[in-house]
Amino acid sequence: MFEEIDERLLDPMCDRLKTVFYPEKSYIVWERDPVYEMSFIMQGKVLTMTTNGGTAGFFNSNYLKAGDFYGEELLTWALDPRSSFLPLSTRTVQALTEVEAFALKAEDLKFIGTEFRRLHSKQVRHTFRFYSPQWRTWAACFIQAAWYRYCKKKLEETLQADENMLQHAIAKAGESSTPSLGATIYATRFAVNALRTLRSNSTRKLAWVQERIPLKLPQKPAEPNFTSGEL
């Protein structure tokens, strides 16, 4: 992301960077707490976790290492000249090992936010999305939900076609002019049992797919505006 930034902006950013250390197993920030700084990991390993604001049954985690960052909610906040209250963290962040990082405090990031908005490169925006745990979690959940909805639709279509075929077989057996009454009754019972089994299996399959479609997707992260002009 910083490869796209002019050195005239990097210098004041570096002047405001503070080195921070976190001991092993310590919690850096809790989900739903205000974000006071955006940090860039230099050494160590970090675990980030989210329950999507306490959504029942939802849990997502990511491991971050040197070169990754967290607290990106603060960047979106800093780029908006109308923002006032600090954003709330979407994730709980825990240091799995001793962690050394560079941190940009909220007030410092707000100060250089006007310079960020003068950037015109789309690559910065794409890079931000790619490395952001927020965006990656939202994208993964969105894709999974879309996939399971597609699976449900195809399964319903397949089951409906199979049921129609069995219903046709039952009707055909009832209209059969076969001399053997026993054969007609046997064919009808076979088709009825097959239809009952199909419906029972269909209910279980559809329930299994439905359980995997999340009731509530994570909220799409706010789009950081790197373009010039008023927001």
C-alpha atoms as a PDB file:
ATOM      1  CA  MET A   1       0.000   0.000   0.000  1.00  0.00           C
ATOM      2  CA  PHE A   2       2.783   2.451   0.874  1.00  0.00           C
ATOM      3  CA  GLU A   3       4.615   1.807  -2.379  1.00  0.00           C
ATOM      4  CA  GLU A   4       1.931   3.926  -4.042  1.00  0.00           C
ATOM      5  CA  ILE A   5       2.328   6.845  -1.636  1.00  0.00           C
ATOM      6  CA  ASP A   6       4.473   9.855  -2.430  1.00  0.00           C
ATOM      7  CA  GLU A   7       7.571  10.219  -0.270  1.00  0.00           C
ATOM      8  CA  ARG A   8       6.376  13.672   0.772  1.00  0.00           C
ATOM      9  CA  LEU A   9       3.504  11.936   2.563  1.00  0.00           C
ATOM     10  CA  LEU A  10       5.569   9.045   3.887  1.00  0.00           C
ATOM     11  CA  ASP A  11       7.930  11.361   5.749  1.00  0.00           C
ATOM     12  CA  PRO A  12       5.276  12.937   8.014  1.00  0.00           C
ATOM     13  CA  MET A  13       3.738   9.484   8.545  1.00  0.00           C
ATOM     14  CA  CYS A  14       7.074   8.048   9.675  1.00  0.00           C
ATOM     15  CA  ASP A  15       7.593  11.018  11.982  1.00  0.00           C
ATOM     16  CA  ARG A  16       4.389  10.080  13.784  1.00  0.00           C
ATOM     17  CA  LEU A  17       4.973   6.333  14.003  1.00  0.00           C
ATOM     18  CA  LYS A  18       5.412   5.016  17.539  1.00  0.00           C
ATOM     19  CA  THR A  19       7.034   1.695  18.389  1.00  0.00           C
ATOM     20  CA  VAL A  20       4.782  -0.469  20.563  1.00  0.00           C
ATOM     21  CA  PHE A  21       5.363  -3.838  22.229  1.00  0.00           C
ATOM     22  CA  TYR A  22       2.808  -6.384  23.381  1.00  0.00           C
ATOM     23  CA  PRO A  23       3.625  -9.391  25.591  1.00  0.00           C
ATOM     24  CA  GLU A  24       2.687 -12.921  24.618  1.00  0.00           C
ATOM     25  CA  LYS A  25      -1.010 -13.848  25.092  1.00  0.00           C
ATOM     26  CA  SER A  26      -1.998 -10.234  25.811  1.00  0.00           C
ATOM     27  CA  TYR A  27      -5.132  -8.737  24.298  1.00  0.00           C
ATOM     28  CA  ILE A  28      -4.500  -5.629  22.208  1.00  0.00           C
ATOM     29  CA  VAL A  29      -8.080  -4.617  21.479  1.00  0.00           C
ATOM     30  CA  TRP A  30     -11.507  -6.140  22.081  1.00  0.00           C
ATOM     31  CA  GLU A  31     -14.334  -6.359  19.591  1.00  0.00           C
ATOM     32  CA  ARG A  32     -16.725  -3.392  19.890  1.00  0.00           C
ATOM     33  CA  ASP A  33     -14.163  -1.277  21.777  1.00  0.00           C
ATOM     34  CA  PRO A  34     -12.995   2.046  20.305  1.00  0.00           C
ATOM     35  CA  VAL A  35      -9.960   1.863  18.001  1.00  0.00           C
ATOM     36  CA  TYR A  36      -7.233   4.251  19.133  1.00  0.00           C
ATOM     37  CA  GLU A  37      -4.459   3.318  16.732  1.00  0.00           C
ATOM     38  CA  MET A  38      -3.677   1.551  13.463  1.00  0.00           C
ATOM     39  CA  SER A  39      -0.735  -0.816  13.854  1.00  0.00           C
ATOM     40  CA  PHE A  40       1.715  -2.399  11.422  1.00  0.00           C
ATOM     41  CA  ILE A  41       3.302  -5.621  12.662  1.00  0.00           C
ATOM     42  CA  MET A  42       7.086  -5.776  12.471  1.00  0.00           C
ATOM     43  CA  GLN A  43       7.725  -8.946  14.500  1.00  0.00           C
ATOM     44  CA  GLY A  44       5.551 -11.591  16.093  1.00  0.00           C
ATOM     45  CA  LYS A  45       2.223 -13.269  15.404  1.00  0.00           C
ATOM     46  CA  VAL A  46      -1.276 -11.957  16.084  1.00  0.00           C
ATOM     47  CA  LEU A  47      -4.695 -13.637  16.160  1.00  0.00           C
ATOM     48  CA  THR A  48      -7.778 -11.623  15.217  1.00  0.00           C
ATOM     49  CA  MET A  49     -11.272 -12.926  15.971  1.00  0.00           C
ATOM     50  CA  THR A  50     -14.803 -11.675  15.332  1.00  0.00           C
ATOM     51  CA  THR A  51     -18.319 -12.769  16.248  1.00  0.00           C
ATOM     52  CA  ASN A  52     -19.842 -10.199  13.884  1.00  0.00           C
ATOM     53  CA  GLY A  53     -21.094  -8.090  16.763  1.00  0.00           C
ATOM     54  CA  GLY A  54     -22.265 -11.102  18.775  1.00  0.00           C
ATOM     55  CA  THR A  55     -24.200 -12.838  15.992  1.00  0.00           C
ATOM     56  CA  ALA A  56     -25.245 -16.297  17.204  1.00  0.00           C
ATOM     57  CA  GLY A  57     -23.169 -19.072  15.650  1.00  0.00           C
ATOM     58  CA  PHE A  58     -20.801 -16.712  13.843  1.00  0.00           C
ATOM     59  CA  PHE A  59     -17.057 -16.867  14.392  1.00  0.00           C
ATOM     60  CA  ASN A  60     -14.134 -15.964  12.172  1.00  0.00           C
ATOM     61  CA  SER A  61     -10.418 -15.767  12.892  1.00  0.00           C
ATOM     62  CA  ASN A  62      -7.276 -14.718  11.041  1.00  0.00           C
ATOM     63  CA  TYR A  63      -3.587 -14.942  11.795  1.00  0.00           C
ATOM     64  CA  LEU A  64      -1.455 -11.886  11.117  1.00  0.00           C
ATOM     65  CA  LYS A  65       2.318 -11.721  10.901  1.00  0.00           C
ATOM     66  CA  ALA A  66       5.088  -9.279  10.054  1.00  0.00           C
ATOM     67  CA  GLY A  67       3.957  -7.025   7.219  1.00  0.00           C
ATOM     68  CA  ASP A  68       0.254  -7.235   8.116  1.00  0.00           C
ATOM     69  CA  PHE A  69      -1.776  -4.543   9.858  1.00  0.00           C
ATOM     70  CA  TYR A  70      -4.869  -4.204  12.037  1.00  0.00           C
ATOM     71  CA  GLY A  71      -7.055  -1.355  13.193  1.00  0.00           C
ATOM     72  CA  GLU A  72      -7.860  -0.413   9.598  1.00  0.00           C
ATOM     73  CA  GLU A  73     -11.255   0.908  10.770  1.00  0.00           C
ATOM     74  CA  LEU A  74      -9.282   3.963  11.819  1.00  0.00           C
ATOM     75  CA  LEU A  75      -8.067   4.662   8.279  1.00  0.00           C
ATOM     76  CA  THR A  76     -11.607   4.902   6.921  1.00  0.00           C
ATOM     77  CA  TRP A  77     -12.487   7.146   9.868  1.00  0.00           C
ATOM     78  CA  ALA A  78      -9.460   9.380   9.261  1.00  0.00           C
ATOM     79  CA  LEU A  79     -10.281   9.820   5.563  1.00  0.00           C
ATOM     80  CA  ASP A  80     -13.761  11.148   6.337  1.00  0.00           C
ATOM     81  CA  PRO A  81     -13.632  14.842   7.299  1.00  0.00           C
ATOM     82  CA  ARG A  82     -17.110  14.557   8.813  1.00  0.00           C
ATOM     83  CA  SER A  83     -16.191  11.798  11.288  1.00  0.00           C
ATOM     84  CA  SER A  84     -16.061  12.600  14.980  1.00  0.00           C
ATOM     85  CA  PHE A  85     -16.409   9.615  17.308  1.00  0.00           C
ATOM     86  CA  LEU A  86     -13.742   6.926  17.094  1.00  0.00           C
ATOM     87  CA  PRO A  87     -14.794   3.784  15.198  1.00  0.00           C
ATOM     88  CA  LEU A  88     -15.464   0.547  17.058  1.00  0.00           C
ATOM     89  CA  SER A  89     -13.259  -2.448  16.452  1.00  0.00           C
ATOM     90  CA  THR A  90     -14.854  -5.216  14.411  1.00  0.00           C
ATOM     91  CA  ARG A  91     -12.402  -7.777  15.819  1.00  0.00           C
ATOM     92  CA  THR A  92     -10.677  -8.900  18.998  1.00  0.00           C
ATOM     93  CA  VAL A  93      -6.900  -8.816  18.547  1.00  0.00           C
ATOM     94  CA  GLN A  94      -4.587 -10.995  20.657  1.00  0.00           C
ATOM     95  CA  ALA A  95      -0.794 -11.271  20.590  1.00  0.00           C
ATOM     96  CA  LEU A  96       0.105 -14.959  20.270  1.00  0.00           C
ATOM     97  CA  THR A  97       3.801 -14.197  20.717  1.00  0.00           C
ATOM     98  CA  GLU A  98       5.718 -11.121  21.748  1.00  0.00           C
ATOM     99  CA  VAL A  99       4.755  -8.513  19.172  1.00  0.00           C
ATOM    100  CA  GLU A 100       6.610  -5.433  17.998  1.00  0.00           C
ATOM    101  CA  ALA A 101       4.672  -2.999  15.828  1.00  0.00           C
ATOM    102  CA  PHE A 102       4.601   0.543  14.539  1.00  0.00           C
ATOM    103  CA  ALA A 103       1.444   2.387  15.562  1.00  0.00           C
ATOM    104  CA  LEU A 104      -0.249   5.479  14.183  1.00  0.00           C
ATOM    105  CA  LYS A 105      -2.440   7.125  16.802  1.00  0.00           C
ATOM    106  CA  ALA A 106      -5.925   8.271  15.842  1.00  0.00           C
ATOM    107  CA  GLU A 107      -5.103  11.965  16.046  1.00  0.00           C
ATOM    108  CA  ASP A 108      -1.967  11.501  13.914  1.00  0.00           C
ATOM    109  CA  LEU A 109      -3.815   9.503  11.282  1.00  0.00           C
ATOM    110  CA  LYS A 110      -6.562  12.129  11.205  1.00  0.00           C
ATOM    111  CA  PHE A 111      -3.936  14.822  10.674  1.00  0.00           C
ATOM    112  CA  ILE A 112      -2.574  13.197   7.517  1.00  0.00           C
ATOM    113  CA  GLY A 113      -6.003  12.010   6.322  1.00  0.00           C
ATOM    114  CA  THR A 114      -6.406  15.037   4.067  1.00  0.00           C
ATOM    115  CA  GLU A 115      -3.176  14.092   2.279  1.00  0.00           C
ATOM    116  CA  PHE A 116      -4.393  10.501   1.839  1.00  0.00           C
ATOM    117  CA  ARG A 117      -7.469  11.773   0.039  1.00  0.00           C
ATOM    118  CA  ARG A 118      -5.295  13.317  -2.643  1.00  0.00           C
ATOM    119  CA  LEU A 119      -4.183   9.882  -3.834  1.00  0.00           C
ATOM    120  CA  HIS A 120      -5.572   8.849  -7.207  1.00  0.00           C
ATOM    121  CA  SER A 121      -4.212   5.317  -7.527  1.00  0.00           C
ATOM    122  CA  LYS A 122      -6.787   2.523  -7.598  1.00  0.00           C
ATOM    123  CA  GLN A 123      -3.990   0.129  -6.683  1.00  0.00           C
ATOM    124  CA  VAL A 124      -3.918   1.588  -3.165  1.00  0.00           C
ATOM    125  CA  ARG A 125      -7.608   0.843  -2.718  1.00  0.00           C
ATOM    126  CA  HIS A 126      -7.245  -2.710  -4.051  1.00  0.00           C
ATOM    127  CA  THR A 127      -4.221  -3.391  -1.869  1.00  0.00           C
ATOM    128  CA  PHE A 128      -6.058  -2.114   1.187  1.00  0.00           C
ATOM    129  CA  ARG A 129      -8.967  -4.461   0.515  1.00  0.00           C
ATOM    130  CA  PHE A 130      -6.716  -7.466  -0.124  1.00  0.00           C
ATOM    131  CA  TYR A 131      -4.794  -7.170   3.145  1.00  0.00           C
ATOM    132  CA  SER A 132      -7.650  -5.980   5.342  1.00  0.00           C
ATOM    133  CA  PRO A 133      -9.009  -8.728   7.674  1.00  0.00           C
ATOM    134  CA  GLN A 134     -12.362  -6.920   7.580  1.00  0.00           C
ATOM    135  CA  TRP A 135     -12.667  -7.031   3.805  1.00  0.00           C
ATOM    136  CA  ARG A 136     -11.366 -10.593   3.517  1.00  0.00           C
ATOM    137  CA  THR A 137     -13.842 -11.871   6.121  1.00  0.00           C
ATOM    138  CA  TRP A 138     -16.752 -10.084   4.457  1.00  0.00           C
ATOM    139  CA  ALA A 139     -15.757 -11.365   0.995  1.00  0.00           C
ATOM    140  CA  ALA A 140     -15.370 -14.961   2.205  1.00  0.00           C
ATOM    141  CA  CYS A 141     -18.757 -14.943   3.956  1.00  0.00           C
ATOM    142  CA  PHE A 142     -20.443 -13.311   0.953  1.00  0.00           C
ATOM    143  CA  ILE A 143     -19.034 -15.937  -1.441  1.00  0.00           C
ATOM    144  CA  GLN A 144     -19.928 -18.838   0.854  1.00  0.00           C
ATOM    145  CA  ALA A 145     -23.486 -17.606   1.320  1.00  0.00           C
ATOM    146  CA  ALA A 146     -23.912 -17.153  -2.434  1.00  0.00           C
ATOM    147  CA  TRP A 147     -22.531 -20.652  -3.071  1.00  0.00           C
ATOM    148  CA  TYR A 148     -24.903 -22.330  -0.602  1.00  0.00           C
ATOM    149  CA  ARG A 149     -27.880 -20.396  -1.987  1.00  0.00           C
ATOM    150  CA  TYR A 150     -26.900 -21.667  -5.454  1.00  0.00           C
ATOM    151  CA  CYS A 151     -26.586 -25.238  -4.100  1.00  0.00           C
ATOM    152  CA  LYS A 152     -30.021 -24.965  -2.482  1.00  0.00           C
ATOM    153  CA  LYS A 153     -31.590 -23.747  -5.723  1.00  0.00           C
ATOM    154  CA  LYS A 154     -30.005 -26.539  -7.812  1.00  0.00           C
ATOM    155  CA  LEU A 155     -30.961 -29.146  -5.216  1.00  0.00           C
ATOM    156  CA  GLU A 156     -34.576 -27.970  -5.190  1.00  0.00           C
ATOM    157  CA  GLU A 157     -34.696 -28.119  -9.002  1.00  0.00           C
ATOM    158  CA  THR A 158     -33.228 -31.629  -9.075  1.00  0.00           C
ATOM    159  CA  LEU A 159     -35.560 -32.890  -6.355  1.00  0.00           C
ATOM    160  CA  GLN A 160     -38.576 -31.386  -8.097  1.00  0.00           C
ATOM    161  CA  ALA A 161     -37.625 -33.111 -11.351  1.00  0.00           C
ATOM    162  CA  ASP A 162     -37.211 -36.461  -9.569  1.00  0.00           C
ATOM    163  CA  GLU A 163     -40.548 -36.045  -7.782  1.00  0.00           C
ATOM    164  CA  ASN A 164     -42.303 -35.214 -11.032  1.00  0.00           C
ATOM    165  CA  MET A 165     -40.823 -38.341 -12.604  1.00  0.00           C
ATOM    166  CA  LEU A 166     -42.093 -40.544  -9.742  1.00  0.00           C
ATOM    167  CA  GLN A 167     -45.522 -38.888  -9.800  1.00  0.00           C
ATOM    168  CA  HIS A 168     -45.699 -39.650 -13.516  1.00  0.00           C
ATOM    169  CA  ALA A 169     -44.686 -43.262 -12.843  1.00  0.00           C
ATOM    170  CA  ILE A 170     -47.451 -43.631 -10.248  1.00  0.00           C
ATOM    171  CA  ALA A 171     -50.045 -42.203 -12.601  1.00  0.00           C
ATOM    172  CA  LYS A 172     -48.850 -44.415 -15.448  1.00  0.00           C
ATOM    173  CA  ALA A 173     -48.956 -47.519 -13.244  1.00  0.00           C
ATOM    174  CA  GLY A 174     -52.538 -46.688 -12.216  1.00  0.00           C
ATOM    175  CA  GLU A 175     -53.583 -46.414 -15.857  1.00  0.00           C
ATOM    176  CA  SER A 176     -51.728 -49.537 -16.911  1.00  0.00           C
ATOM    177  CA  SER A 177     -53.689 -52.154 -18.857  1.00  0.00           C
ATOM    178  CA  THR A 178     -51.284 -54.893 -17.886  1.00  0.00           C
ATOM    179  CA  PRO A 179     -53.118 -58.221 -17.413  1.00  0.00           C
ATOM    180  CA  SER A 180     -51.260 -58.835 -14.162  1.00  0.00           C
ATOM    181  CA  LEU A 181     -52.981 -56.872 -11.375  1.00  0.00           C
ATOM    182  CA  GLY A 182     -50.208 -57.899  -8.984  1.00  0.00           C
ATOM    183  CA  ALA A 183     -47.537 -56.339 -11.183  1.00  0.00           C
ATOM    184  CA  THR A 184     -49.482 -53.072 -11.371  1.00  0.00           C
ATOM    185  CA  ILE A 185     -49.966 -52.934  -7.587  1.00  0.00           C
ATOM    186  CA  TYR A 186     -46.281 -53.749  -7.029  1.00  0.00           C
ATOM    187  CA  ALA A 187     -45.145 -51.011  -9.443  1.00  0.00           C
ATOM    188  CA  THR A 188     -47.473 -48.487  -7.805  1.00  0.00           C
ATOM    189  CA  ARG A 189     -46.285 -49.336  -4.273  1.00  0.00           C
ATOM    190  CA  PHE A 190     -42.653 -49.183  -5.392  1.00  0.00           C
ATOM    191  CA  ALA A 191     -43.143 -45.724  -6.886  1.00  0.00           C
ATOM    192  CA  VAL A 192     -45.038 -44.480  -3.796  1.00  0.00           C
ATOM    193  CA  ASN A 193     -42.310 -45.746  -1.444  1.00  0.00           C
ATOM    194  CA  ALA A 194     -39.628 -44.233  -3.654  1.00  0.00           C
ATOM    195  CA  LEU A 195     -41.484 -40.904  -3.570  1.00  0.00           C
ATOM    196  CA  ARG A 196     -41.788 -41.040   0.237  1.00  0.00           C
ATOM    197  CA  THR A 197     -38.062 -41.791   0.572  1.00  0.00           C
ATOM    198  CA  LEU A 198     -37.179 -39.024  -1.863  1.00  0.00           C
ATOM    199  CA  ARG A 199     -39.187 -36.460   0.123  1.00  0.00           C
ATOM    200  CA  SER A 200     -37.627 -37.583   3.399  1.00  0.00           C
ATOM    201  CA  ASN A 201     -34.094 -37.352   1.998  1.00  0.00           C
ATOM    202  CA  SER A 202     -34.909 -34.045   0.354  1.00  0.00           C
ATOM    203  CA  THR A 203     -35.974 -32.533   3.659  1.00  0.00           C
ATOM    204  CA  ARG A 204     -32.690 -33.545   5.296  1.00  0.00           C
ATOM    205  CA  LYS A 205     -30.539 -32.332   2.392  1.00  0.00           C
ATOM    206  CA  LEU A 206     -32.304 -28.991   2.172  1.00  0.00           C
ATOM    207  CA  ALA A 207     -32.073 -28.523   5.940  1.00  0.00           C
ATOM    208  CA  TRP A 208     -28.317 -29.261   5.809  1.00  0.00           C
ATOM    209  CA  VAL A 209     -27.790 -26.649   3.085  1.00  0.00           C
ATOM    210  CA  GLN A 210     -30.082 -24.121   4.768  1.00  0.00           C
ATOM    211  CA  GLU A 211     -28.098 -24.359   8.024  1.00  0.00           C
ATOM    212  CA  ARG A 212     -24.986 -23.241   6.147  1.00  0.00           C
ATOM    213  CA  ILE A 213     -26.581 -20.088   4.785  1.00  0.00           C
ATOM    214  CA  PRO A 214     -25.809 -17.443   7.425  1.00  0.00           C
ATOM    215  CA  LEU A 215     -28.806 -15.648   8.868  1.00  0.00           C
ATOM    216  CA  LYS A 216     -26.784 -12.449   9.038  1.00  0.00           C
ATOM    217  CA  LEU A 217     -23.786 -11.584   6.890  1.00  0.00           C
ATOM    218  CA  PRO A 218     -21.070  -9.327   8.279  1.00  0.00           C
ATOM    219  CA  GLN A 219     -21.687  -5.710   7.417  1.00  0.00           C
ATOM    220  CA  LYS A 220     -19.788  -4.642   4.340  1.00  0.00           C
ATOM    221  CA  PRO A 221     -16.792  -2.557   5.474  1.00  0.00           C
ATOM    222  CA  ALA A 222     -16.920   1.144   4.819  1.00  0.00           C
ATOM    223  CA  GLU A 223     -15.133   2.090   1.625  1.00  0.00           C
ATOM    224  CA  PRO A 224     -12.059   4.226   2.337  1.00  0.00           C
ATOM    225  CA  ASN A 225     -12.127   7.212  -0.017  1.00  0.00           C
ATOM    226  CA  PHE A 226      -8.652   7.794  -1.412  1.00  0.00           C
ATOM    227  CA  THR A 227      -9.851  10.209  -4.076  1.00  0.00           C
ATOM    228  CA  SER A 228      -9.480  13.949  -4.039  1.00  0.00           C
ATOM    229  CA  GLY A 229     -12.237  16.408  -3.294  1.00  0.00           C
ATOM    230  CA  GLU A 230     -14.863  16.631  -0.602  1.00  0.00           C
ATOM    231  CA  LEU A 231     -16.562  13.428   0.555  1.00  0.00           C
END
